[in-house]
Amino acid sequence: EKNNWTPAVLAGPAFGKFVDDEFASLR
């Protein structure tokens, strides 16, 4: 609340896949 962060919890293999996909999209 203080920092106006949006919760975006993702754990396990799904997080690893997200990082890989995000890397490709960001590039």
mmCIF file of all heavy atoms, coordinates in Angstrom:
data_MODEL
# 
_entry.id   MODEL 
# 
loop_
_atom_site.group_PDB 
_atom_site.id 
_atom_site.type_symbol 
_atom_site.label_atom_id 
_atom_site.label_alt_id 
_atom_site.label_comp_id 
_atom_site.label_asym_id 
_atom_site.label_entity_id 
_atom_site.label_seq_id 
_atom_site.pdbx_PDB_ins_code 
_atom_site.Cartn_x 
_atom_site.Cartn_y 
_atom_site.Cartn_z 
_atom_site.occupancy 
_atom_site.B_iso_or_equiv 
_atom_site.pdbx_formal_charge 
_atom_site.auth_seq_id 
_atom_site.auth_comp_id 
_atom_site.auth_asym_id 
_atom_site.auth_atom_id 
_atom_site.pdbx_PDB_model_num 
ATOM 1   N N   . GLU A 1 1  ? 0.818  -1.215  0.000   1.00 0.00 ? 1  GLU A N   1 
ATOM 2   C CA  . GLU A 1 1  ? 0.000  0.000   0.000   1.00 0.00 ? 1  GLU A CA  1 
ATOM 3   C C   . GLU A 1 1  ? 0.849  1.261   0.000   1.00 0.00 ? 1  GLU A C   1 
ATOM 4   O O   . GLU A 1 1  ? 0.593  2.194   -0.774  1.00 0.00 ? 1  GLU A O   1 
ATOM 5   C CB  . GLU A 1 1  ? -0.920 -0.008  1.224   1.00 0.00 ? 1  GLU A CB  1 
ATOM 6   C CG  . GLU A 1 1  ? -1.890 1.169   1.252   1.00 0.00 ? 1  GLU A CG  1 
ATOM 7   C CD  . GLU A 1 1  ? -2.888 1.083   2.394   1.00 0.00 ? 1  GLU A CD  1 
ATOM 8   O OE1 . GLU A 1 1  ? -2.963 0.022   3.047   1.00 0.00 ? 1  GLU A OE1 1 
ATOM 9   O OE2 . GLU A 1 1  ? -3.589 2.077   2.628   1.00 0.00 ? 1  GLU A OE2 1 
ATOM 10  N N   . LYS A 1 2  ? 1.872  1.272   0.821   1.00 0.00 ? 2  LYS A N   1 
ATOM 11  C CA  . LYS A 1 2  ? 2.730  2.456   0.941   1.00 0.00 ? 2  LYS A CA  1 
ATOM 12  C C   . LYS A 1 2  ? 3.430  2.787   -0.378  1.00 0.00 ? 2  LYS A C   1 
ATOM 13  O O   . LYS A 1 2  ? 3.558  3.959   -0.755  1.00 0.00 ? 2  LYS A O   1 
ATOM 14  C CB  . LYS A 1 2  ? 3.779  2.226   2.039   1.00 0.00 ? 2  LYS A CB  1 
ATOM 15  C CG  . LYS A 1 2  ? 4.786  3.363   2.176   1.00 0.00 ? 2  LYS A CG  1 
ATOM 16  C CD  . LYS A 1 2  ? 5.834  3.028   3.227   1.00 0.00 ? 2  LYS A CD  1 
ATOM 17  C CE  . LYS A 1 2  ? 6.886  4.130   3.314   1.00 0.00 ? 2  LYS A CE  1 
ATOM 18  N NZ  . LYS A 1 2  ? 7.946  3.793   4.313   1.00 0.00 ? 2  LYS A NZ  1 
ATOM 19  N N   . ASN A 1 3  ? 3.891  1.752   -1.083  1.00 0.00 ? 3  ASN A N   1 
ATOM 20  C CA  . ASN A 1 3  ? 4.687  1.963   -2.289  1.00 0.00 ? 3  ASN A CA  1 
ATOM 21  C C   . ASN A 1 3  ? 3.887  1.876   -3.580  1.00 0.00 ? 3  ASN A C   1 
ATOM 22  O O   . ASN A 1 3  ? 4.438  1.994   -4.665  1.00 0.00 ? 3  ASN A O   1 
ATOM 23  C CB  . ASN A 1 3  ? 5.829  0.949   -2.325  1.00 0.00 ? 3  ASN A CB  1 
ATOM 24  C CG  . ASN A 1 3  ? 6.790  1.126   -1.170  1.00 0.00 ? 3  ASN A CG  1 
ATOM 25  O OD1 . ASN A 1 3  ? 7.418  2.172   -1.037  1.00 0.00 ? 3  ASN A OD1 1 
ATOM 26  N ND2 . ASN A 1 3  ? 6.909  0.115   -0.315  1.00 0.00 ? 3  ASN A ND2 1 
ATOM 27  N N   . ASN A 1 4  ? 2.580  1.681   -3.447  1.00 0.00 ? 4  ASN A N   1 
ATOM 28  C CA  . ASN A 1 4  ? 1.707  1.559   -4.614  1.00 0.00 ? 4  ASN A CA  1 
ATOM 29  C C   . ASN A 1 4  ? 2.148  0.411   -5.524  1.00 0.00 ? 4  ASN A C   1 
ATOM 30  O O   . ASN A 1 4  ? 2.122  0.513   -6.745  1.00 0.00 ? 4  ASN A O   1 
ATOM 31  C CB  . ASN A 1 4  ? 1.643  2.874   -5.402  1.00 0.00 ? 4  ASN A CB  1 
ATOM 32  C CG  . ASN A 1 4  ? 0.335  3.016   -6.154  1.00 0.00 ? 4  ASN A CG  1 
ATOM 33  O OD1 . ASN A 1 4  ? -0.722 2.701   -5.627  1.00 0.00 ? 4  ASN A OD1 1 
ATOM 34  N ND2 . ASN A 1 4  ? 0.392  3.471   -7.379  1.00 0.00 ? 4  ASN A ND2 1 
ATOM 35  N N   . TRP A 1 5  ? 2.584  -0.686  -4.901  1.00 0.00 ? 5  TRP A N   1 
ATOM 36  C CA  . TRP A 1 5  ? 2.951  -1.879  -5.652  1.00 0.00 ? 5  TRP A CA  1 
ATOM 37  C C   . TRP A 1 5  ? 1.700  -2.706  -5.919  1.00 0.00 ? 5  TRP A C   1 
ATOM 38  O O   . TRP A 1 5  ? 0.826  -2.818  -5.073  1.00 0.00 ? 5  TRP A O   1 
ATOM 39  C CB  . TRP A 1 5  ? 3.929  -2.746  -4.861  1.00 0.00 ? 5  TRP A CB  1 
ATOM 40  C CG  . TRP A 1 5  ? 5.278  -2.158  -4.658  1.00 0.00 ? 5  TRP A CG  1 
ATOM 41  C CD1 . TRP A 1 5  ? 5.893  -1.205  -5.404  1.00 0.00 ? 5  TRP A CD1 1 
ATOM 42  C CD2 . TRP A 1 5  ? 6.209  -2.494  -3.608  1.00 0.00 ? 5  TRP A CD2 1 
ATOM 43  N NE1 . TRP A 1 5  ? 7.147  -0.924  -4.896  1.00 0.00 ? 5  TRP A NE1 1 
ATOM 44  C CE2 . TRP A 1 5  ? 7.356  -1.699  -3.798  1.00 0.00 ? 5  TRP A CE2 1 
ATOM 45  C CE3 . TRP A 1 5  ? 6.173  -3.388  -2.542  1.00 0.00 ? 5  TRP A CE3 1 
ATOM 46  C CZ2 . TRP A 1 5  ? 8.473  -1.774  -2.970  1.00 0.00 ? 5  TRP A CZ2 1 
ATOM 47  C CZ3 . TRP A 1 5  ? 7.273  -3.465  -1.706  1.00 0.00 ? 5  TRP A CZ3 1 
ATOM 48  C CH2 . TRP A 1 5  ? 8.409  -2.670  -1.914  1.00 0.00 ? 5  TRP A CH2 1 
ATOM 49  N N   . THR A 1 6  ? 1.668  -3.318  -7.097  1.00 0.00 ? 6  THR A N   1 
ATOM 50  C CA  . THR A 1 6  ? 0.591  -4.246  -7.424  1.00 0.00 ? 6  THR A CA  1 
ATOM 51  C C   . THR A 1 6  ? 1.073  -5.662  -7.158  1.00 0.00 ? 6  THR A C   1 
ATOM 52  O O   . THR A 1 6  ? 2.126  -6.053  -7.674  1.00 0.00 ? 6  THR A O   1 
ATOM 53  C CB  . THR A 1 6  ? 0.204  -4.115  -8.912  1.00 0.00 ? 6  THR A CB  1 
ATOM 54  O OG1 . THR A 1 6  ? -0.223 -2.770  -9.171  1.00 0.00 ? 6  THR A OG1 1 
ATOM 55  C CG2 . THR A 1 6  ? -0.910 -5.090  -9.273  1.00 0.00 ? 6  THR A CG2 1 
ATOM 56  N N   . PRO A 1 7  ? 0.351  -6.451  -6.333  1.00 0.00 ? 7  PRO A N   1 
ATOM 57  C CA  . PRO A 1 7  ? 0.782  -7.835  -6.113  1.00 0.00 ? 7  PRO A CA  1 
ATOM 58  C C   . PRO A 1 7  ? 0.795  -8.591  -7.446  1.00 0.00 ? 7  PRO A C   1 
ATOM 59  O O   . PRO A 1 7  ? -0.135 -8.479  -8.248  1.00 0.00 ? 7  PRO A O   1 
ATOM 60  C CB  . PRO A 1 7  ? -0.293 -8.396  -5.171  1.00 0.00 ? 7  PRO A CB  1 
ATOM 61  C CG  . PRO A 1 7  ? -0.944 -7.200  -4.564  1.00 0.00 ? 7  PRO A CG  1 
ATOM 62  C CD  . PRO A 1 7  ? -0.878 -6.122  -5.586  1.00 0.00 ? 7  PRO A CD  1 
ATOM 63  N N   . ALA A 1 8  ? 1.865  -9.338  -7.683  1.00 0.00 ? 8  ALA A N   1 
ATOM 64  C CA  . ALA A 1 8  ? 1.985  -10.084 -8.946  1.00 0.00 ? 8  ALA A CA  1 
ATOM 65  C C   . ALA A 1 8  ? 2.683  -11.412 -8.664  1.00 0.00 ? 8  ALA A C   1 
ATOM 66  O O   . ALA A 1 8  ? 3.674  -11.762 -9.306  1.00 0.00 ? 8  ALA A O   1 
ATOM 67  C CB  . ALA A 1 8  ? 2.767  -9.259  -9.967  1.00 0.00 ? 8  ALA A CB  1 
ATOM 68  N N   . VAL A 1 9  ? 2.181  -12.140 -7.679  1.00 0.00 ? 9  VAL A N   1 
ATOM 69  C CA  . VAL A 1 9  ? 2.865  -13.339 -7.184  1.00 0.00 ? 9  VAL A CA  1 
ATOM 70  C C   . VAL A 1 9  ? 2.807  -14.469 -8.205  1.00 0.00 ? 9  VAL A C   1 
ATOM 71  O O   . VAL A 1 9  ? 1.747  -14.829 -8.714  1.00 0.00 ? 9  VAL A O   1 
ATOM 72  C CB  . VAL A 1 9  ? 2.256  -13.800 -5.847  1.00 0.00 ? 9  VAL A CB  1 
ATOM 73  C CG1 . VAL A 1 9  ? 2.996  -15.017 -5.314  1.00 0.00 ? 9  VAL A CG1 1 
ATOM 74  C CG2 . VAL A 1 9  ? 2.292  -12.661 -4.826  1.00 0.00 ? 9  VAL A CG2 1 
ATOM 75  N N   . LEU A 1 10 ? 3.975  -15.010 -8.502  1.00 0.00 ? 10 LEU A N   1 
ATOM 76  C CA  . LEU A 1 10 ? 4.107  -16.143 -9.417  1.00 0.00 ? 10 LEU A CA  1 
ATOM 77  C C   . LEU A 1 10 ? 5.318  -16.941 -8.962  1.00 0.00 ? 10 LEU A C   1 
ATOM 78  O O   . LEU A 1 10 ? 6.415  -16.400 -8.863  1.00 0.00 ? 10 LEU A O   1 
ATOM 79  C CB  . LEU A 1 10 ? 4.301  -15.658 -10.850 1.00 0.00 ? 10 LEU A CB  1 
ATOM 80  C CG  . LEU A 1 10 ? 4.311  -16.717 -11.960 1.00 0.00 ? 10 LEU A CG  1 
ATOM 81  C CD1 . LEU A 1 10 ? 2.937  -17.371 -12.080 1.00 0.00 ? 10 LEU A CD1 1 
ATOM 82  C CD2 . LEU A 1 10 ? 4.734  -16.099 -13.286 1.00 0.00 ? 10 LEU A CD2 1 
ATOM 83  N N   . ALA A 1 11 ? 5.132  -18.211 -8.660  1.00 0.00 ? 11 ALA A N   1 
ATOM 84  C CA  . ALA A 1 11 ? 6.226  -19.014 -8.097  1.00 0.00 ? 11 ALA A CA  1 
ATOM 85  C C   . ALA A 1 11 ? 6.407  -20.313 -8.874  1.00 0.00 ? 11 ALA A C   1 
ATOM 86  O O   . ALA A 1 11 ? 5.595  -20.676 -9.730  1.00 0.00 ? 11 ALA A O   1 
ATOM 87  C CB  . ALA A 1 11 ? 5.943  -19.316 -6.626  1.00 0.00 ? 11 ALA A CB  1 
ATOM 88  N N   . GLY A 1 12 ? 7.513  -20.995 -8.560  1.00 0.00 ? 12 GLY A N   1 
ATOM 89  C CA  . GLY A 1 12 ? 7.767  -22.302 -9.151  1.00 0.00 ? 12 GLY A CA  1 
ATOM 90  C C   . GLY A 1 12 ? 8.163  -22.227 -10.614 1.00 0.00 ? 12 GLY A C   1 
ATOM 91  O O   . GLY A 1 12 ? 8.616  -21.185 -11.106 1.00 0.00 ? 12 GLY A O   1 
ATOM 92  N N   . PRO A 1 13 ? 7.973  -23.316 -11.347 1.00 0.00 ? 13 PRO A N   1 
ATOM 93  C CA  . PRO A 1 13 ? 8.350  -23.369 -12.766 1.00 0.00 ? 13 PRO A CA  1 
ATOM 94  C C   . PRO A 1 13 ? 7.674  -22.281 -13.604 1.00 0.00 ? 13 PRO A C   1 
ATOM 95  O O   . PRO A 1 13 ? 8.240  -21.812 -14.584 1.00 0.00 ? 13 PRO A O   1 
ATOM 96  C CB  . PRO A 1 13 ? 7.879  -24.765 -13.200 1.00 0.00 ? 13 PRO A CB  1 
ATOM 97  C CG  . PRO A 1 13 ? 7.889  -25.578 -11.945 1.00 0.00 ? 13 PRO A CG  1 
ATOM 98  C CD  . PRO A 1 13 ? 7.484  -24.630 -10.863 1.00 0.00 ? 13 PRO A CD  1 
ATOM 99  N N   . ALA A 1 14 ? 6.466  -21.878 -13.195 1.00 0.00 ? 14 ALA A N   1 
ATOM 100 C CA  . ALA A 1 14 ? 5.757  -20.831 -13.934 1.00 0.00 ? 14 ALA A CA  1 
ATOM 101 C C   . ALA A 1 14 ? 6.536  -19.519 -13.919 1.00 0.00 ? 14 ALA A C   1 
ATOM 102 O O   . ALA A 1 14 ? 6.544  -18.773 -14.911 1.00 0.00 ? 14 ALA A O   1 
ATOM 103 C CB  . ALA A 1 14 ? 4.363  -20.618 -13.344 1.00 0.00 ? 14 ALA A CB  1 
ATOM 104 N N   . PHE A 1 15 ? 7.211  -19.236 -12.800 1.00 0.00 ? 15 PHE A N   1 
ATOM 105 C CA  . PHE A 1 15 ? 8.017  -18.018 -12.726 1.00 0.00 ? 15 PHE A CA  1 
ATOM 106 C C   . PHE A 1 15 ? 9.236  -18.124 -13.636 1.00 0.00 ? 15 PHE A C   1 
ATOM 107 O O   . PHE A 1 15 ? 9.581  -17.169 -14.337 1.00 0.00 ? 15 PHE A O   1 
ATOM 108 C CB  . PHE A 1 15 ? 8.445  -17.743 -11.285 1.00 0.00 ? 15 PHE A CB  1 
ATOM 109 C CG  . PHE A 1 15 ? 9.360  -16.552 -11.136 1.00 0.00 ? 15 PHE A CG  1 
ATOM 110 C CD1 . PHE A 1 15 ? 9.025  -15.318 -11.660 1.00 0.00 ? 15 PHE A CD1 1 
ATOM 111 C CD2 . PHE A 1 15 ? 10.578 -16.673 -10.469 1.00 0.00 ? 15 PHE A CD2 1 
ATOM 112 C CE1 . PHE A 1 15 ? 9.872  -14.216 -11.536 1.00 0.00 ? 15 PHE A CE1 1 
ATOM 113 C CE2 . PHE A 1 15 ? 11.433 -15.584 -10.331 1.00 0.00 ? 15 PHE A CE2 1 
ATOM 114 C CZ  . PHE A 1 15 ? 11.072 -14.355 -10.869 1.00 0.00 ? 15 PHE A CZ  1 
ATOM 115 N N   . GLY A 1 16 ? 9.887  -19.283 -13.647 1.00 0.00 ? 16 GLY A N   1 
ATOM 116 C CA  . GLY A 1 16 ? 11.034 -19.481 -14.530 1.00 0.00 ? 16 GLY A CA  1 
ATOM 117 C C   . GLY A 1 16 ? 10.654 -19.287 -15.987 1.00 0.00 ? 16 GLY A C   1 
ATOM 118 O O   . GLY A 1 16 ? 11.385 -18.645 -16.755 1.00 0.00 ? 16 GLY A O   1 
ATOM 119 N N   . LYS A 1 17 ? 9.491  -19.821 -16.384 1.00 0.00 ? 17 LYS A N   1 
ATOM 120 C CA  . LYS A 1 17 ? 9.020  -19.666 -17.764 1.00 0.00 ? 17 LYS A CA  1 
ATOM 121 C C   . LYS A 1 17 ? 8.692  -18.209 -18.060 1.00 0.00 ? 17 LYS A C   1 
ATOM 122 O O   . LYS A 1 17 ? 8.986  -17.689 -19.145 1.00 0.00 ? 17 LYS A O   1 
ATOM 123 C CB  . LYS A 1 17 ? 7.789  -20.534 -18.016 1.00 0.00 ? 17 LYS A CB  1 
ATOM 124 C CG  . LYS A 1 17 ? 7.285  -20.471 -19.464 1.00 0.00 ? 17 LYS A CG  1 
ATOM 125 C CD  . LYS A 1 17 ? 6.058  -21.337 -19.681 1.00 0.00 ? 17 LYS A CD  1 
ATOM 126 C CE  . LYS A 1 17 ? 5.654  -21.332 -21.155 1.00 0.00 ? 17 LYS A CE  1 
ATOM 127 N NZ  . LYS A 1 17 ? 5.387  -19.972 -21.666 1.00 0.00 ? 17 LYS A NZ  1 
ATOM 128 N N   . PHE A 1 18 ? 8.087  -17.518 -17.068 1.00 0.00 ? 18 PHE A N   1 
ATOM 129 C CA  . PHE A 1 18 ? 7.765  -16.106 -17.235 1.00 0.00 ? 18 PHE A CA  1 
ATOM 130 C C   . PHE A 1 18 ? 9.027  -15.299 -17.529 1.00 0.00 ? 18 PHE A C   1 
ATOM 131 O O   . PHE A 1 18 ? 9.040  -14.446 -18.426 1.00 0.00 ? 18 PHE A O   1 
ATOM 132 C CB  . PHE A 1 18 ? 7.079  -15.564 -15.977 1.00 0.00 ? 18 PHE A CB  1 
ATOM 133 C CG  . PHE A 1 18 ? 7.027  -14.053 -15.920 1.00 0.00 ? 18 PHE A CG  1 
ATOM 134 C CD1 . PHE A 1 18 ? 6.062  -13.359 -16.623 1.00 0.00 ? 18 PHE A CD1 1 
ATOM 135 C CD2 . PHE A 1 18 ? 7.966  -13.348 -15.177 1.00 0.00 ? 18 PHE A CD2 1 
ATOM 136 C CE1 . PHE A 1 18 ? 6.022  -11.964 -16.594 1.00 0.00 ? 18 PHE A CE1 1 
ATOM 137 C CE2 . PHE A 1 18 ? 7.936  -11.956 -15.141 1.00 0.00 ? 18 PHE A CE2 1 
ATOM 138 C CZ  . PHE A 1 18 ? 6.955  -11.262 -15.848 1.00 0.00 ? 18 PHE A CZ  1 
ATOM 139 N N   . VAL A 1 19 ? 10.096 -15.559 -16.782 1.00 0.00 ? 19 VAL A N   1 
ATOM 140 C CA  . VAL A 1 19 ? 11.345 -14.813 -16.976 1.00 0.00 ? 19 VAL A CA  1 
ATOM 141 C C   . VAL A 1 19 ? 11.897 -15.057 -18.385 1.00 0.00 ? 19 VAL A C   1 
ATOM 142 O O   . VAL A 1 19 ? 12.327 -14.119 -19.067 1.00 0.00 ? 19 VAL A O   1 
ATOM 143 C CB  . VAL A 1 19 ? 12.388 -15.191 -15.906 1.00 0.00 ? 19 VAL A CB  1 
ATOM 144 C CG1 . VAL A 1 19 ? 13.740 -14.547 -16.220 1.00 0.00 ? 19 VAL A CG1 1 
ATOM 145 C CG2 . VAL A 1 19 ? 11.920 -14.753 -14.522 1.00 0.00 ? 19 VAL A CG2 1 
ATOM 146 N N   . ASP A 1 20 ? 11.864 -16.300 -18.826 1.00 0.00 ? 20 ASP A N   1 
ATOM 147 C CA  . ASP A 1 20 ? 12.340 -16.614 -20.185 1.00 0.00 ? 20 ASP A CA  1 
ATOM 148 C C   . ASP A 1 20 ? 11.518 -15.881 -21.241 1.00 0.00 ? 20 ASP A C   1 
ATOM 149 O O   . ASP A 1 20 ? 12.070 -15.295 -22.184 1.00 0.00 ? 20 ASP A O   1 
ATOM 150 C CB  . ASP A 1 20 ? 12.260 -18.125 -20.432 1.00 0.00 ? 20 ASP A CB  1 
ATOM 151 C CG  . ASP A 1 20 ? 13.258 -18.919 -19.610 1.00 0.00 ? 20 ASP A CG  1 
ATOM 152 O OD1 . ASP A 1 20 ? 14.238 -18.314 -19.123 1.00 0.00 ? 20 ASP A OD1 1 
ATOM 153 O OD2 . ASP A 1 20 ? 13.064 -20.137 -19.444 1.00 0.00 ? 20 ASP A OD2 1 
ATOM 154 N N   . ASP A 1 21 ? 10.205 -15.900 -21.090 1.00 0.00 ? 21 ASP A N   1 
ATOM 155 C CA  . ASP A 1 21 ? 9.327  -15.232 -22.052 1.00 0.00 ? 21 ASP A CA  1 
ATOM 156 C C   . ASP A 1 21 ? 9.507  -13.716 -22.008 1.00 0.00 ? 21 ASP A C   1 
ATOM 157 O O   . ASP A 1 21 ? 9.505  -13.041 -23.038 1.00 0.00 ? 21 ASP A O   1 
ATOM 158 C CB  . ASP A 1 21 ? 7.858  -15.578 -21.763 1.00 0.00 ? 21 ASP A CB  1 
ATOM 159 C CG  . ASP A 1 21 ? 7.528  -17.039 -22.034 1.00 0.00 ? 21 ASP A CG  1 
ATOM 160 O OD1 . ASP A 1 21 ? 8.339  -17.718 -22.695 1.00 0.00 ? 21 ASP A OD1 1 
ATOM 161 O OD2 . ASP A 1 21 ? 6.462  -17.500 -21.567 1.00 0.00 ? 21 ASP A OD2 1 
ATOM 162 N N   . GLU A 1 22 ? 9.667  -13.187 -20.801 1.00 0.00 ? 22 GLU A N   1 
ATOM 163 C CA  . GLU A 1 22 ? 9.840  -11.744 -20.633 1.00 0.00 ? 22 GLU A CA  1 
ATOM 164 C C   . GLU A 1 22 ? 11.150 -11.279 -21.258 1.00 0.00 ? 22 GLU A C   1 
ATOM 165 O O   . GLU A 1 22 ? 11.227 -10.199 -21.850 1.00 0.00 ? 22 GLU A O   1 
ATOM 166 C CB  . GLU A 1 22 ? 9.812  -11.408 -19.137 1.00 0.00 ? 22 GLU A CB  1 
ATOM 167 C CG  . GLU A 1 22 ? 9.839  -9.924  -18.811 1.00 0.00 ? 22 GLU A CG  1 
ATOM 168 C CD  . GLU A 1 22 ? 8.509  -9.222  -19.024 1.00 0.00 ? 22 GLU A CD  1 
ATOM 169 O OE1 . GLU A 1 22 ? 7.560  -9.876  -19.493 1.00 0.00 ? 22 GLU A OE1 1 
ATOM 170 O OE2 . GLU A 1 22 ? 8.430  -8.017  -18.737 1.00 0.00 ? 22 GLU A OE2 1 
ATOM 171 N N   . PHE A 1 23 ? 12.177 -12.107 -21.123 1.00 0.00 ? 23 PHE A N   1 
ATOM 172 C CA  . PHE A 1 23 ? 13.483 -11.773 -21.714 1.00 0.00 ? 23 PHE A CA  1 
ATOM 173 C C   . PHE A 1 23 ? 13.339 -11.625 -23.230 1.00 0.00 ? 23 PHE A C   1 
ATOM 174 O O   . PHE A 1 23 ? 13.833 -10.659 -23.823 1.00 0.00 ? 23 PHE A O   1 
ATOM 175 C CB  . PHE A 1 23 ? 14.495 -12.872 -21.375 1.00 0.00 ? 23 PHE A CB  1 
ATOM 176 C CG  . PHE A 1 23 ? 15.913 -12.518 -21.719 1.00 0.00 ? 23 PHE A CG  1 
ATOM 177 C CD1 . PHE A 1 23 ? 16.728 -11.885 -20.797 1.00 0.00 ? 23 PHE A CD1 1 
ATOM 178 C CD2 . PHE A 1 23 ? 16.442 -12.822 -22.969 1.00 0.00 ? 23 PHE A CD2 1 
ATOM 179 C CE1 . PHE A 1 23 ? 18.043 -11.554 -21.102 1.00 0.00 ? 23 PHE A CE1 1 
ATOM 180 C CE2 . PHE A 1 23 ? 17.749 -12.498 -23.282 1.00 0.00 ? 23 PHE A CE2 1 
ATOM 181 C CZ  . PHE A 1 23 ? 18.556 -11.866 -22.344 1.00 0.00 ? 23 PHE A CZ  1 
ATOM 182 N N   . ALA A 1 24 ? 12.657 -12.574 -23.861 1.00 0.00 ? 24 ALA A N   1 
ATOM 183 C CA  . ALA A 1 24 ? 12.468 -12.535 -25.313 1.00 0.00 ? 24 ALA A CA  1 
ATOM 184 C C   . ALA A 1 24 ? 11.621 -11.329 -25.729 1.00 0.00 ? 24 ALA A C   1 
ATOM 185 O O   . ALA A 1 24 ? 11.936 -10.636 -26.707 1.00 0.00 ? 24 ALA A O   1 
ATOM 186 C CB  . ALA A 1 24 ? 11.819 -13.828 -25.780 1.00 0.00 ? 24 ALA A CB  1 
ATOM 187 N N   . SER A 1 25 ? 10.553 -11.058 -24.963 1.00 0.00 ? 25 SER A N   1 
ATOM 188 C CA  . SER A 1 25 ? 9.661  -9.940  -25.279 1.00 0.00 ? 25 SER A CA  1 
ATOM 189 C C   . SER A 1 25 ? 10.370 -8.603  -25.106 1.00 0.00 ? 25 SER A C   1 
ATOM 190 O O   . SER A 1 25 ? 10.234 -7.693  -25.941 1.00 0.00 ? 25 SER A O   1 
ATOM 191 C CB  . SER A 1 25 ? 8.430  -10.000 -24.372 1.00 0.00 ? 25 SER A CB  1 
ATOM 192 O OG  . SER A 1 25 ? 7.615  -8.869  -24.550 1.00 0.00 ? 25 SER A OG  1 
ATOM 193 N N   . LEU A 1 26 ? 11.144 -8.471  -24.019 1.00 0.00 ? 26 LEU A N   1 
ATOM 194 C CA  . LEU A 1 26 ? 11.861 -7.232  -23.740 1.00 0.00 ? 26 LEU A CA  1 
ATOM 195 C C   . LEU A 1 26 ? 12.914 -6.963  -24.803 1.00 0.00 ? 26 LEU A C   1 
ATOM 196 O O   . LEU A 1 26 ? 13.081 -5.829  -25.262 1.00 0.00 ? 26 LEU A O   1 
ATOM 197 C CB  . LEU A 1 26 ? 12.517 -7.327  -22.351 1.00 0.00 ? 26 LEU A CB  1 
ATOM 198 C CG  . LEU A 1 26 ? 12.929 -6.017  -21.685 1.00 0.00 ? 26 LEU A CG  1 
ATOM 199 C CD1 . LEU A 1 26 ? 11.748 -5.074  -21.520 1.00 0.00 ? 26 LEU A CD1 1 
ATOM 200 C CD2 . LEU A 1 26 ? 13.553 -6.298  -20.325 1.00 0.00 ? 26 LEU A CD2 1 
ATOM 201 N N   . ARG A 1 27 ? 13.598 -8.007  -25.208 1.00 0.00 ? 27 ARG A N   1 
ATOM 202 C CA  . ARG A 1 27 ? 14.602 -7.840  -26.269 1.00 0.00 ? 27 ARG A CA  1 
ATOM 203 C C   . ARG A 1 27 ? 13.963 -7.349  -27.565 1.00 0.00 ? 27 ARG A C   1 
ATOM 204 O O   . ARG A 1 27 ? 14.478 -6.452  -28.228 1.00 0.00 ? 27 ARG A O   1 
ATOM 205 C CB  . ARG A 1 27 ? 15.346 -9.162  -26.512 1.00 0.00 ? 27 ARG A CB  1 
ATOM 206 C CG  . ARG A 1 27 ? 16.412 -9.034  -27.571 1.00 0.00 ? 27 ARG A CG  1 
ATOM 207 C CD  . ARG A 1 27 ? 17.212 -10.328 -27.770 1.00 0.00 ? 27 ARG A CD  1 
ATOM 208 N NE  . ARG A 1 27 ? 18.169 -10.154 -28.825 1.00 0.00 ? 27 ARG A NE  1 
ATOM 209 C CZ  . ARG A 1 27 ? 19.355 -9.560  -28.706 1.00 0.00 ? 27 ARG A CZ  1 
ATOM 210 N NH1 . ARG A 1 27 ? 19.728 -9.101  -27.515 1.00 0.00 ? 27 ARG A NH1 1 
ATOM 211 N NH2 . ARG A 1 27 ? 20.173 -9.414  -29.729 1.00 0.00 ? 27 ARG A NH2 1 
# 
